[in-house]
Amino acid sequence: MANEIVIAQTTIDNEDQARALARGAVESKLAAGVHIDAPITAVYWWKNEVETAQEWRISYMTTTDCLPRLEAWLSEKHPYDVPQWIALPVTGGSEAYLSWVVEETTRD
């Protein structure tokens, strides 16, 4: 398959914003689908202090071809100074699902 599939992730501290970031990426064909995980507890260093926050994890199913555009789009839309942004390679899966991800993220 020419496009490699990746799952890109970010987090945000507001469920409505999580839904908006999910829907916007799908509507823009930057992701074929998005999962929003129920609130999770984040513990992290920020400005020399340990912080604890409730966040929603957003996982975008996309391709390596779409990843730079998705990252640029997210950096415009995300309210955090330094949002989490990671991409995890998908090393296997059903051919039908992987093909669907490619089809849904291919621009017409």
C-alpha atoms as a PDB file:
ATOM      1  CA  MET A   1       0.000   0.000   0.000  1.00  0.00           C
ATOM      2  CA  ALA A   2       1.499   3.361  -1.052  1.00  0.00           C
ATOM      3  CA  ASN A   3       0.165   5.263   1.971  1.00  0.00           C
ATOM      4  CA  GLU A   4       1.146   4.011   5.373  1.00  0.00           C
ATOM      5  CA  ILE A   5      -1.551   4.175   8.028  1.00  0.00           C
ATOM      6  CA  VAL A   6      -0.849   5.997  11.277  1.00  0.00           C
ATOM      7  CA  ILE A   7      -2.789   6.869  14.384  1.00  0.00           C
ATOM      8  CA  ALA A   8      -2.031  10.439  15.407  1.00  0.00           C
ATOM      9  CA  GLN A   9      -2.939  11.567  18.898  1.00  0.00           C
ATOM     10  CA  THR A  10      -3.478  14.730  20.869  1.00  0.00           C
ATOM     11  CA  THR A  11      -5.254  15.602  24.099  1.00  0.00           C
ATOM     12  CA  ILE A  12      -7.476  18.484  25.167  1.00  0.00           C
ATOM     13  CA  ASP A  13      -9.138  19.512  28.421  1.00  0.00           C
ATOM     14  CA  ASN A  14     -12.654  20.057  27.083  1.00  0.00           C
ATOM     15  CA  GLU A  15     -15.036  17.471  25.619  1.00  0.00           C
ATOM     16  CA  ASP A  16     -16.778  19.922  23.290  1.00  0.00           C
ATOM     17  CA  GLN A  17     -13.427  21.024  21.871  1.00  0.00           C
ATOM     18  CA  ALA A  18     -12.430  17.370  21.464  1.00  0.00           C
ATOM     19  CA  ARG A  19     -15.574  16.764  19.426  1.00  0.00           C
ATOM     20  CA  ALA A  20     -14.906  19.874  17.320  1.00  0.00           C
ATOM     21  CA  LEU A  21     -11.299  18.813  16.631  1.00  0.00           C
ATOM     22  CA  ALA A  22     -12.515  15.331  15.689  1.00  0.00           C
ATOM     23  CA  ARG A  23     -15.321  16.475  13.407  1.00  0.00           C
ATOM     24  CA  GLY A  24     -13.244  19.176  11.720  1.00  0.00           C
ATOM     25  CA  ALA A  25     -10.482  16.742  10.803  1.00  0.00           C
ATOM     26  CA  VAL A  26     -12.952  14.244   9.320  1.00  0.00           C
ATOM     27  CA  GLU A  27     -14.876  16.939   7.437  1.00  0.00           C
ATOM     28  CA  SER A  28     -11.562  18.202   6.010  1.00  0.00           C
ATOM     29  CA  LYS A  29     -10.638  14.621   4.957  1.00  0.00           C
ATOM     30  CA  LEU A  30      -7.497  14.817   7.092  1.00  0.00           C
ATOM     31  CA  ALA A  31      -8.603  11.712   8.993  1.00  0.00           C
ATOM     32  CA  ALA A  32     -10.870   8.845   7.987  1.00  0.00           C
ATOM     33  CA  GLY A  33     -12.145   8.481  11.518  1.00  0.00           C
ATOM     34  CA  VAL A  34     -11.442   9.675  15.037  1.00  0.00           C
ATOM     35  CA  HIS A  35     -11.797   8.124  18.468  1.00  0.00           C
ATOM     36  CA  ILE A  36     -12.300  10.281  21.533  1.00  0.00           C
ATOM     37  CA  ASP A  37     -11.422   8.502  24.757  1.00  0.00           C
ATOM     38  CA  ALA A  38     -13.384   9.214  27.926  1.00  0.00           C
ATOM     39  CA  PRO A  39     -11.711  11.581  30.333  1.00  0.00           C
ATOM     40  CA  ILE A  40      -8.254  10.492  31.353  1.00  0.00           C
ATOM     41  CA  THR A  41      -6.005  11.881  34.049  1.00  0.00           C
ATOM     42  CA  ALA A  42      -2.868  13.574  32.776  1.00  0.00           C
ATOM     43  CA  VAL A  43       0.095  14.179  35.081  1.00  0.00           C
ATOM     44  CA  TYR A  44       2.925  16.231  33.570  1.00  0.00           C
ATOM     45  CA  TRP A  45       5.578  18.878  34.127  1.00  0.00           C
ATOM     46  CA  TRP A  46       4.579  22.404  33.112  1.00  0.00           C
ATOM     47  CA  LYS A  47       6.482  25.568  34.017  1.00  0.00           C
ATOM     48  CA  ASN A  48       8.579  23.803  36.679  1.00  0.00           C
ATOM     49  CA  GLU A  49       5.599  22.261  38.445  1.00  0.00           C
ATOM     50  CA  VAL A  50       3.837  18.932  38.347  1.00  0.00           C
ATOM     51  CA  GLU A  51       0.311  19.455  37.033  1.00  0.00           C
ATOM     52  CA  THR A  52      -2.699  17.146  37.043  1.00  0.00           C
ATOM     53  CA  ALA A  53      -5.559  17.627  34.612  1.00  0.00           C
ATOM     54  CA  GLN A  54      -8.568  15.865  33.163  1.00  0.00           C
ATOM     55  CA  GLU A  55      -8.213  15.487  29.403  1.00  0.00           C
ATOM     56  CA  TRP A  56      -9.797  13.731  26.436  1.00  0.00           C
ATOM     57  CA  ARG A  57      -7.487  11.770  24.120  1.00  0.00           C
ATOM     58  CA  ILE A  58      -8.210  12.222  20.426  1.00  0.00           C
ATOM     59  CA  SER A  59      -6.901   9.517  18.061  1.00  0.00           C
ATOM     60  CA  TYR A  60      -6.964  10.262  14.340  1.00  0.00           C
ATOM     61  CA  MET A  61      -6.870   7.404  11.814  1.00  0.00           C
ATOM     62  CA  THR A  62      -4.977   8.821   8.865  1.00  0.00           C
ATOM     63  CA  THR A  63      -2.115   8.268   6.432  1.00  0.00           C
ATOM     64  CA  THR A  64       1.477   9.419   6.361  1.00  0.00           C
ATOM     65  CA  ASP A  65       0.567  11.525   3.313  1.00  0.00           C
ATOM     66  CA  CYS A  66      -2.093  13.427   5.307  1.00  0.00           C
ATOM     67  CA  LEU A  67      -0.087  13.693   8.510  1.00  0.00           C
ATOM     68  CA  PRO A  68       1.707  17.010   7.753  1.00  0.00           C
ATOM     69  CA  ARG A  69      -1.581  18.689   6.747  1.00  0.00           C
ATOM     70  CA  LEU A  70      -3.354  17.293   9.814  1.00  0.00           C
ATOM     71  CA  GLU A  71      -0.557  18.538  12.077  1.00  0.00           C
ATOM     72  CA  ALA A  72      -0.670  22.028  10.516  1.00  0.00           C
ATOM     73  CA  TRP A  73      -4.472  22.125  10.792  1.00  0.00           C
ATOM     74  CA  LEU A  74      -4.367  21.003  14.420  1.00  0.00           C
ATOM     75  CA  SER A  75      -1.710  23.547  15.380  1.00  0.00           C
ATOM     76  CA  GLU A  76      -4.041  26.293  14.102  1.00  0.00           C
ATOM     77  CA  LYS A  77      -7.099  24.944  15.932  1.00  0.00           C
ATOM     78  CA  HIS A  78      -5.642  23.644  19.215  1.00  0.00           C
ATOM     79  CA  PRO A  79      -5.716  26.101  22.129  1.00  0.00           C
ATOM     80  CA  TYR A  80      -2.733  24.629  24.042  1.00  0.00           C
ATOM     81  CA  ASP A  81       0.676  26.334  23.891  1.00  0.00           C
ATOM     82  CA  VAL A  82       2.317  22.921  23.433  1.00  0.00           C
ATOM     83  CA  PRO A  83      -0.291  20.310  22.490  1.00  0.00           C
ATOM     84  CA  GLN A  84       0.626  16.662  22.601  1.00  0.00           C
ATOM     85  CA  TRP A  85       1.174  15.472  19.047  1.00  0.00           C
ATOM     86  CA  ILE A  86       2.409  11.971  18.335  1.00  0.00           C
ATOM     87  CA  ALA A  87       1.981   9.559  15.453  1.00  0.00           C
ATOM     88  CA  LEU A  88       1.981   5.809  15.935  1.00  0.00           C
ATOM     89  CA  PRO A  89       2.602   3.499  12.978  1.00  0.00           C
ATOM     90  CA  VAL A  90      -0.016   0.887  12.226  1.00  0.00           C
ATOM     91  CA  THR A  91       1.846  -2.329  11.552  1.00  0.00           C
ATOM     92  CA  GLY A  92      -1.119  -4.504  10.667  1.00  0.00           C
ATOM     93  CA  GLY A  93      -4.868  -4.657  10.321  1.00  0.00           C
ATOM     94  CA  SER A  94      -7.595  -5.771   7.999  1.00  0.00           C
ATOM     95  CA  GLU A  95      -6.942  -4.846   4.388  1.00  0.00           C
ATOM     96  CA  ALA A  96     -10.516  -3.565   4.060  1.00  0.00           C
ATOM     97  CA  TYR A  97     -10.115  -1.172   7.004  1.00  0.00           C
ATOM     98  CA  LEU A  98      -6.693   0.064   5.935  1.00  0.00           C
ATOM     99  CA  SER A  99      -7.967   0.655   2.398  1.00  0.00           C
ATOM    100  CA  TRP A 100     -10.940   2.566   3.809  1.00  0.00           C
ATOM    101  CA  VAL A 101      -8.600   4.901   5.704  1.00  0.00           C
ATOM    102  CA  VAL A 102      -6.685   5.624   2.493  1.00  0.00           C
ATOM    103  CA  GLU A 103      -9.860   6.147   0.456  1.00  0.00           C
ATOM    104  CA  GLU A 104     -11.407   8.527   2.989  1.00  0.00           C
ATOM    105  CA  THR A 105      -8.290  10.677   3.281  1.00  0.00           C
ATOM    106  CA  THR A 106      -7.585  10.920  -0.442  1.00  0.00           C
ATOM    107  CA  ARG A 107      -8.450  14.315  -1.835  1.00  0.00           C
ATOM    108  CA  ASP A 108     -10.643  14.356  -4.937  1.00  0.00           C
END
